[in-house]
N, C-alpha and C. Protein backbone atom coordinates (compact mmCIF):
# COMPACT_ATOMS: atom_id res chain seq x y z
N MET A 1 41.73 24.14 28.07
CA MET A 1 41.81 22.69 28.16
C MET A 1 40.67 22.11 28.97
N GLU A 2 40.35 22.76 30.06
CA GLU A 2 39.26 22.32 30.93
C GLU A 2 37.92 22.38 30.21
N ILE A 3 37.72 23.38 29.36
CA ILE A 3 36.47 23.53 28.62
C ILE A 3 36.30 22.40 27.60
N LYS A 4 37.39 21.99 26.94
CA LYS A 4 37.32 20.89 25.97
C LYS A 4 36.95 19.58 26.67
N LYS A 5 37.50 19.36 27.85
CA LYS A 5 37.21 18.14 28.61
C LYS A 5 35.74 18.12 29.02
N ARG A 6 35.22 19.24 29.49
CA ARG A 6 33.82 19.32 29.88
C ARG A 6 32.91 19.13 28.67
N SER A 7 33.28 19.67 27.53
CA SER A 7 32.47 19.50 26.32
C SER A 7 32.42 18.05 25.90
N ARG A 8 33.55 17.37 25.99
CA ARG A 8 33.57 15.94 25.62
C ARG A 8 32.69 15.14 26.56
N ILE A 9 32.78 15.39 27.83
CA ILE A 9 31.96 14.67 28.81
C ILE A 9 30.49 14.95 28.54
N PHE A 10 30.15 16.20 28.26
CA PHE A 10 28.77 16.56 27.95
C PHE A 10 28.28 15.83 26.71
N VAL A 11 29.10 15.78 25.67
CA VAL A 11 28.73 15.10 24.42
C VAL A 11 28.53 13.60 24.68
N VAL A 12 29.41 12.99 25.46
CA VAL A 12 29.29 11.56 25.76
C VAL A 12 27.98 11.30 26.51
N TRP A 13 27.69 12.11 27.53
CA TRP A 13 26.45 11.95 28.28
C TRP A 13 25.22 12.20 27.41
N LEU A 14 25.32 13.16 26.54
CA LEU A 14 24.22 13.44 25.63
C LEU A 14 23.95 12.26 24.70
N ILE A 15 25.01 11.69 24.15
CA ILE A 15 24.88 10.52 23.27
C ILE A 15 24.29 9.34 24.03
N LEU A 16 24.75 9.10 25.25
CA LEU A 16 24.21 8.01 26.06
C LEU A 16 22.72 8.24 26.38
N ALA A 17 22.36 9.46 26.71
CA ALA A 17 20.97 9.77 27.04
C ALA A 17 20.07 9.57 25.81
N VAL A 18 20.49 10.06 24.66
CA VAL A 18 19.71 9.90 23.43
C VAL A 18 19.60 8.43 23.06
N SER A 19 20.68 7.69 23.20
CA SER A 19 20.66 6.25 22.89
C SER A 19 19.69 5.51 23.81
N LEU A 20 19.70 5.84 25.07
CA LEU A 20 18.80 5.21 26.03
C LEU A 20 17.34 5.53 25.69
N ILE A 21 17.06 6.77 25.35
CA ILE A 21 15.70 7.16 24.98
C ILE A 21 15.24 6.41 23.73
N VAL A 22 16.10 6.32 22.72
CA VAL A 22 15.76 5.60 21.48
C VAL A 22 15.49 4.14 21.79
N LEU A 23 16.31 3.52 22.62
CA LEU A 23 16.13 2.12 22.98
C LEU A 23 14.80 1.92 23.70
N LEU A 24 14.49 2.75 24.68
CA LEU A 24 13.24 2.61 25.42
C LEU A 24 12.02 2.83 24.53
N VAL A 25 12.08 3.80 23.66
CA VAL A 25 10.96 4.07 22.75
C VAL A 25 10.78 2.90 21.78
N SER A 26 11.87 2.36 21.26
CA SER A 26 11.76 1.25 20.31
C SER A 26 11.21 -0.01 20.99
N LEU A 27 11.53 -0.21 22.26
CA LEU A 27 10.97 -1.36 22.97
C LEU A 27 9.48 -1.16 23.27
N TYR A 28 9.09 0.05 23.58
CA TYR A 28 7.70 0.33 23.90
C TYR A 28 6.81 0.31 22.66
N PHE A 29 7.28 0.89 21.58
CA PHE A 29 6.49 0.98 20.35
C PHE A 29 6.93 -0.04 19.32
N ARG A 30 7.39 -1.18 19.76
CA ARG A 30 7.90 -2.22 18.87
C ARG A 30 6.84 -2.62 17.86
N PRO A 31 7.11 -2.48 16.57
CA PRO A 31 6.12 -2.87 15.56
C PRO A 31 6.00 -4.39 15.47
N SER A 32 4.86 -4.84 14.99
CA SER A 32 4.68 -6.26 14.77
C SER A 32 5.67 -6.74 13.72
N ILE A 33 6.25 -7.87 13.97
CA ILE A 33 7.22 -8.43 13.05
C ILE A 33 6.50 -9.36 12.08
N ILE A 34 6.69 -9.14 10.78
CA ILE A 34 6.08 -10.02 9.78
C ILE A 34 6.86 -11.33 9.75
N LEU A 35 6.14 -12.42 9.98
CA LEU A 35 6.75 -13.74 10.00
C LEU A 35 6.66 -14.44 8.65
N ASP A 36 5.54 -14.20 7.93
CA ASP A 36 5.34 -14.88 6.66
C ASP A 36 4.21 -14.19 5.89
N LYS A 37 4.23 -14.33 4.58
CA LYS A 37 3.17 -13.83 3.70
C LYS A 37 2.85 -14.91 2.69
N LYS A 38 1.56 -15.05 2.39
CA LYS A 38 1.14 -16.01 1.38
C LYS A 38 0.01 -15.39 0.56
N ASP A 39 -0.03 -15.72 -0.72
CA ASP A 39 -1.14 -15.34 -1.59
C ASP A 39 -1.88 -16.61 -1.98
N ILE A 40 -3.18 -16.63 -1.71
CA ILE A 40 -4.00 -17.80 -2.02
C ILE A 40 -4.96 -17.41 -3.15
N PRO A 41 -4.90 -18.10 -4.29
CA PRO A 41 -5.82 -17.80 -5.39
C PRO A 41 -7.27 -18.11 -4.99
N ILE A 42 -8.20 -17.28 -5.47
CA ILE A 42 -9.62 -17.46 -5.20
C ILE A 42 -10.36 -17.51 -6.54
N PHE A 43 -11.28 -18.48 -6.66
CA PHE A 43 -12.06 -18.62 -7.88
C PHE A 43 -13.53 -18.82 -7.55
N LEU A 44 -14.40 -18.23 -8.36
CA LEU A 44 -15.84 -18.37 -8.21
C LEU A 44 -16.46 -18.21 -9.59
N LYS A 45 -17.39 -19.09 -9.91
CA LYS A 45 -18.11 -18.98 -11.17
C LYS A 45 -19.60 -18.87 -10.83
N ILE A 46 -20.26 -17.89 -11.43
CA ILE A 46 -21.70 -17.77 -11.27
C ILE A 46 -22.33 -18.36 -12.52
N GLY A 47 -23.16 -19.37 -12.32
CA GLY A 47 -23.79 -20.05 -13.45
C GLY A 47 -25.16 -20.58 -13.08
N ASN A 48 -25.73 -21.35 -13.97
CA ASN A 48 -27.07 -21.87 -13.72
C ASN A 48 -27.07 -23.30 -13.19
N VAL A 49 -25.90 -23.91 -13.03
CA VAL A 49 -25.78 -25.26 -12.49
C VAL A 49 -24.69 -25.23 -11.42
N THR A 50 -24.97 -25.83 -10.27
CA THR A 50 -23.99 -25.87 -9.18
C THR A 50 -22.88 -26.86 -9.50
N GLY A 51 -21.66 -26.47 -9.23
CA GLY A 51 -20.52 -27.34 -9.42
C GLY A 51 -19.54 -27.17 -8.27
N ILE A 52 -18.92 -28.26 -7.85
CA ILE A 52 -17.98 -28.21 -6.73
C ILE A 52 -16.59 -28.52 -7.24
N ARG A 53 -15.62 -27.76 -6.72
CA ARG A 53 -14.22 -28.03 -7.03
C ARG A 53 -13.47 -28.18 -5.72
N VAL A 54 -12.58 -29.14 -5.65
CA VAL A 54 -11.77 -29.34 -4.46
C VAL A 54 -10.33 -29.00 -4.81
N GLU A 55 -9.81 -28.01 -4.14
CA GLU A 55 -8.43 -27.58 -4.36
C GLU A 55 -7.76 -27.41 -3.00
N ASN A 56 -6.54 -27.84 -2.88
CA ASN A 56 -5.80 -27.67 -1.62
C ASN A 56 -5.03 -26.37 -1.59
N GLU A 57 -4.71 -25.82 -2.72
CA GLU A 57 -3.86 -24.63 -2.78
C GLU A 57 -4.61 -23.36 -3.12
N SER A 58 -5.96 -23.43 -3.17
CA SER A 58 -6.74 -22.25 -3.51
C SER A 58 -8.08 -22.28 -2.79
N LEU A 59 -8.75 -21.14 -2.81
CA LEU A 59 -10.13 -21.07 -2.34
C LEU A 59 -10.99 -21.10 -3.60
N ASP A 60 -11.33 -22.29 -4.04
CA ASP A 60 -12.11 -22.46 -5.26
C ASP A 60 -13.53 -22.83 -4.86
N PHE A 61 -14.46 -21.90 -5.06
CA PHE A 61 -15.84 -22.12 -4.67
C PHE A 61 -16.65 -22.86 -5.74
N GLY A 62 -16.04 -23.13 -6.88
CA GLY A 62 -16.75 -23.83 -7.95
C GLY A 62 -17.80 -22.93 -8.57
N THR A 63 -18.87 -23.54 -9.10
CA THR A 63 -19.96 -22.79 -9.72
C THR A 63 -21.09 -22.64 -8.72
N ILE A 64 -21.57 -21.42 -8.58
CA ILE A 64 -22.66 -21.13 -7.65
C ILE A 64 -23.82 -20.51 -8.43
N THR A 65 -25.01 -20.99 -8.13
CA THR A 65 -26.21 -20.46 -8.78
C THR A 65 -26.74 -19.26 -8.00
N TYR A 66 -27.65 -18.54 -8.60
CA TYR A 66 -28.26 -17.38 -7.95
C TYR A 66 -28.86 -17.76 -6.59
N GLU A 67 -28.72 -16.85 -5.66
CA GLU A 67 -29.24 -16.97 -4.31
C GLU A 67 -28.73 -18.21 -3.60
N SER A 68 -27.51 -18.60 -3.91
CA SER A 68 -26.84 -19.72 -3.24
C SER A 68 -25.61 -19.19 -2.52
N SER A 69 -25.07 -20.04 -1.67
CA SER A 69 -23.86 -19.66 -0.95
C SER A 69 -22.93 -20.85 -0.86
N ALA A 70 -21.71 -20.58 -0.46
CA ALA A 70 -20.71 -21.63 -0.26
C ALA A 70 -19.75 -21.16 0.81
N GLN A 71 -19.06 -22.12 1.40
CA GLN A 71 -18.08 -21.77 2.44
C GLN A 71 -16.84 -22.63 2.29
N LYS A 72 -15.69 -22.03 2.52
CA LYS A 72 -14.41 -22.72 2.53
C LYS A 72 -13.71 -22.38 3.83
N THR A 73 -12.83 -23.27 4.27
CA THR A 73 -12.07 -23.01 5.49
C THR A 73 -10.57 -23.16 5.21
N ILE A 74 -9.81 -22.46 6.00
CA ILE A 74 -8.36 -22.60 6.00
C ILE A 74 -7.95 -22.97 7.42
N ASN A 75 -7.18 -24.03 7.55
CA ASN A 75 -6.68 -24.43 8.86
C ASN A 75 -5.47 -23.57 9.22
N LEU A 76 -5.51 -23.00 10.41
CA LEU A 76 -4.43 -22.15 10.90
C LEU A 76 -3.82 -22.80 12.12
N GLU A 77 -2.49 -22.70 12.24
CA GLU A 77 -1.80 -23.26 13.39
C GLU A 77 -0.62 -22.37 13.74
N ASN A 78 -0.52 -22.01 15.01
CA ASN A 78 0.60 -21.22 15.50
C ASN A 78 1.61 -22.16 16.14
N ASN A 79 2.72 -22.40 15.47
CA ASN A 79 3.77 -23.27 16.00
C ASN A 79 4.82 -22.51 16.79
N TYR A 80 4.61 -21.21 16.96
CA TYR A 80 5.56 -20.39 17.71
C TYR A 80 5.24 -20.42 19.19
N LYS A 81 6.19 -19.99 19.98
CA LYS A 81 6.00 -19.91 21.44
C LYS A 81 5.57 -18.52 21.85
N PHE A 82 5.01 -17.78 20.92
CA PHE A 82 4.48 -16.44 21.18
C PHE A 82 3.22 -16.27 20.35
N PRO A 83 2.35 -15.33 20.74
CA PRO A 83 1.10 -15.14 19.99
C PRO A 83 1.34 -14.52 18.62
N VAL A 84 0.47 -14.84 17.68
CA VAL A 84 0.54 -14.27 16.33
C VAL A 84 -0.83 -13.74 15.93
N ASN A 85 -0.80 -12.75 15.06
CA ASN A 85 -2.01 -12.24 14.41
C ASN A 85 -1.91 -12.57 12.93
N ILE A 86 -3.01 -13.01 12.36
CA ILE A 86 -3.04 -13.34 10.95
C ILE A 86 -4.04 -12.40 10.29
N PHE A 87 -3.57 -11.69 9.27
CA PHE A 87 -4.38 -10.68 8.59
C PHE A 87 -4.73 -11.17 7.19
N PHE A 88 -5.99 -11.02 6.80
CA PHE A 88 -6.48 -11.42 5.50
C PHE A 88 -6.94 -10.19 4.73
N SER A 89 -6.54 -10.09 3.47
CA SER A 89 -7.05 -9.02 2.60
C SER A 89 -7.21 -9.58 1.19
N CYS A 90 -8.31 -9.21 0.56
CA CYS A 90 -8.69 -9.75 -0.74
C CYS A 90 -8.42 -8.74 -1.84
N ASN A 91 -7.96 -9.23 -2.98
CA ASN A 91 -7.76 -8.42 -4.19
C ASN A 91 -8.44 -9.12 -5.35
N GLY A 92 -9.13 -8.36 -6.19
CA GLY A 92 -9.76 -8.92 -7.38
C GLY A 92 -11.26 -8.77 -7.37
N ASP A 93 -11.88 -9.13 -8.50
CA ASP A 93 -13.33 -8.95 -8.63
C ASP A 93 -14.14 -9.95 -7.82
N VAL A 94 -13.54 -11.01 -7.35
CA VAL A 94 -14.24 -11.99 -6.53
C VAL A 94 -14.52 -11.46 -5.12
N CYS A 95 -13.80 -10.43 -4.71
CA CYS A 95 -13.91 -9.90 -3.34
C CYS A 95 -15.31 -9.39 -3.01
N ASP A 96 -16.04 -8.93 -4.03
CA ASP A 96 -17.39 -8.42 -3.80
C ASP A 96 -18.34 -9.50 -3.28
N PHE A 97 -18.00 -10.75 -3.46
CA PHE A 97 -18.87 -11.86 -3.07
C PHE A 97 -18.46 -12.50 -1.74
N LEU A 98 -17.33 -12.11 -1.18
CA LEU A 98 -16.78 -12.79 -0.01
C LEU A 98 -17.08 -12.07 1.30
N THR A 99 -17.25 -12.88 2.34
CA THR A 99 -17.27 -12.38 3.71
C THR A 99 -16.28 -13.22 4.51
N TYR A 100 -15.52 -12.55 5.35
CA TYR A 100 -14.50 -13.22 6.15
C TYR A 100 -14.02 -12.26 7.24
N ASP A 101 -13.41 -12.82 8.27
CA ASP A 101 -12.78 -12.00 9.30
C ASP A 101 -11.45 -11.52 8.77
N SER A 102 -11.17 -10.25 8.92
CA SER A 102 -9.92 -9.70 8.38
C SER A 102 -8.73 -9.99 9.28
N GLN A 103 -8.97 -10.42 10.52
CA GLN A 103 -7.87 -10.72 11.43
C GLN A 103 -8.26 -11.88 12.34
N VAL A 104 -7.31 -12.78 12.55
CA VAL A 104 -7.47 -13.89 13.49
C VAL A 104 -6.24 -13.89 14.38
N SER A 105 -6.47 -14.04 15.68
CA SER A 105 -5.36 -14.08 16.65
C SER A 105 -5.22 -15.50 17.17
N LEU A 106 -3.98 -15.95 17.28
CA LEU A 106 -3.70 -17.28 17.80
C LEU A 106 -2.71 -17.19 18.95
N SER A 107 -3.01 -17.89 20.03
CA SER A 107 -2.08 -18.01 21.15
C SER A 107 -0.99 -18.99 20.76
N PRO A 108 0.08 -19.07 21.54
CA PRO A 108 1.14 -20.04 21.22
C PRO A 108 0.59 -21.46 21.11
N LEU A 109 0.96 -22.14 20.05
CA LEU A 109 0.62 -23.52 19.76
C LEU A 109 -0.90 -23.76 19.58
N GLU A 110 -1.67 -22.72 19.33
CA GLU A 110 -3.11 -22.84 19.14
C GLU A 110 -3.44 -23.15 17.67
N LYS A 111 -4.58 -23.86 17.47
CA LYS A 111 -5.09 -24.16 16.14
C LYS A 111 -6.49 -23.58 16.01
N LYS A 112 -6.80 -23.03 14.84
CA LYS A 112 -8.13 -22.49 14.54
C LYS A 112 -8.42 -22.67 13.06
N GLN A 113 -9.66 -22.39 12.70
CA GLN A 113 -10.02 -22.36 11.29
C GLN A 113 -10.51 -20.96 10.95
N ALA A 114 -10.14 -20.51 9.76
CA ALA A 114 -10.65 -19.25 9.22
C ALA A 114 -11.71 -19.62 8.20
N TYR A 115 -12.85 -18.93 8.24
CA TYR A 115 -13.98 -19.23 7.37
C TYR A 115 -14.14 -18.15 6.31
N PHE A 116 -14.36 -18.60 5.08
CA PHE A 116 -14.58 -17.71 3.95
C PHE A 116 -15.89 -18.12 3.30
N SER A 117 -16.83 -17.19 3.28
CA SER A 117 -18.16 -17.48 2.75
C SER A 117 -18.45 -16.60 1.56
N THR A 118 -19.31 -17.11 0.69
CA THR A 118 -19.75 -16.33 -0.46
C THR A 118 -21.24 -16.51 -0.64
N ILE A 119 -21.87 -15.49 -1.14
CA ILE A 119 -23.30 -15.56 -1.47
C ILE A 119 -23.50 -14.82 -2.78
N VAL A 120 -24.36 -15.38 -3.63
CA VAL A 120 -24.62 -14.79 -4.94
C VAL A 120 -26.09 -14.40 -4.99
N PHE A 121 -26.35 -13.14 -5.27
CA PHE A 121 -27.71 -12.63 -5.38
C PHE A 121 -28.17 -12.67 -6.84
N SER A 122 -29.45 -12.57 -7.06
CA SER A 122 -30.00 -12.72 -8.40
C SER A 122 -29.63 -11.59 -9.36
N ASN A 123 -29.11 -10.50 -8.87
CA ASN A 123 -28.74 -9.40 -9.76
C ASN A 123 -27.29 -9.48 -10.23
N GLN A 124 -26.59 -10.54 -9.92
CA GLN A 124 -25.19 -10.70 -10.34
C GLN A 124 -25.12 -11.28 -11.75
N THR A 125 -24.05 -10.95 -12.44
CA THR A 125 -23.85 -11.41 -13.82
C THR A 125 -23.16 -12.77 -13.83
N TYR A 126 -23.66 -13.67 -14.71
CA TYR A 126 -22.97 -14.95 -14.91
C TYR A 126 -21.54 -14.66 -15.34
N GLY A 127 -20.63 -15.53 -14.91
CA GLY A 127 -19.26 -15.38 -15.34
C GLY A 127 -18.28 -15.92 -14.31
N ASN A 128 -17.00 -15.77 -14.64
CA ASN A 128 -15.91 -16.21 -13.78
C ASN A 128 -15.36 -15.01 -13.03
N TYR A 129 -15.12 -15.20 -11.74
CA TYR A 129 -14.56 -14.16 -10.88
C TYR A 129 -13.36 -14.75 -10.17
N SER A 130 -12.33 -13.94 -10.04
CA SER A 130 -11.11 -14.45 -9.40
C SER A 130 -10.42 -13.33 -8.63
N GLY A 131 -9.41 -13.74 -7.90
CA GLY A 131 -8.62 -12.80 -7.12
C GLY A 131 -7.62 -13.56 -6.28
N LYS A 132 -7.06 -12.85 -5.31
CA LYS A 132 -6.10 -13.45 -4.38
C LYS A 132 -6.41 -13.00 -2.97
N MET A 133 -6.26 -13.92 -2.05
CA MET A 133 -6.36 -13.61 -0.64
C MET A 133 -4.93 -13.52 -0.12
N GLN A 134 -4.56 -12.32 0.32
CA GLN A 134 -3.23 -12.17 0.91
C GLN A 134 -3.33 -12.48 2.40
N VAL A 135 -2.47 -13.36 2.86
CA VAL A 135 -2.44 -13.77 4.26
C VAL A 135 -1.10 -13.35 4.83
N VAL A 136 -1.13 -12.53 5.89
CA VAL A 136 0.09 -12.02 6.50
C VAL A 136 0.11 -12.48 7.95
N PHE A 137 1.19 -13.16 8.31
CA PHE A 137 1.40 -13.64 9.67
C PHE A 137 2.35 -12.67 10.38
N LYS A 138 1.89 -12.12 11.51
CA LYS A 138 2.73 -11.19 12.27
C LYS A 138 2.81 -11.63 13.72
N ARG A 139 3.95 -11.36 14.28
CA ARG A 139 4.10 -11.58 15.71
C ARG A 139 3.25 -10.53 16.42
N ALA A 140 2.43 -10.99 17.34
CA ALA A 140 1.56 -10.07 18.09
C ALA A 140 2.39 -9.32 19.11
N VAL A 141 2.07 -8.05 19.28
CA VAL A 141 2.76 -7.24 20.28
C VAL A 141 2.24 -7.68 21.63
N GLU A 142 3.15 -8.12 22.47
CA GLU A 142 2.75 -8.63 23.80
C GLU A 142 2.73 -7.52 24.80
């Protein structure tokens, strides 16, 4: 009877110790929490005449001639009371023409702009190029 009681106490203490270790490890190695994800369409046309397009819901660079460039901005605002990291990744054939920062950090209630630039060299083929910019908002690990 005494052995069963000691085994139960040992098991309870073991469970408490393991639970405490798991809790402490999860707090220390807490992964960034995804707050939001957005996909922004991107368009670019390489042609012999410059053309401008204004779009609020996309990064539309319009028509760009050889050895020309263009830039678009996205306004970013952190309305949270904690810092956030914003990650950008491009998909599609338009990505070969883009330069941008892949990550932007914002403090609580901070505003910034993200810049997306493109340049077309003379060895590029005329045509339409498109893709999507994936934007992921994560809570920054403090």
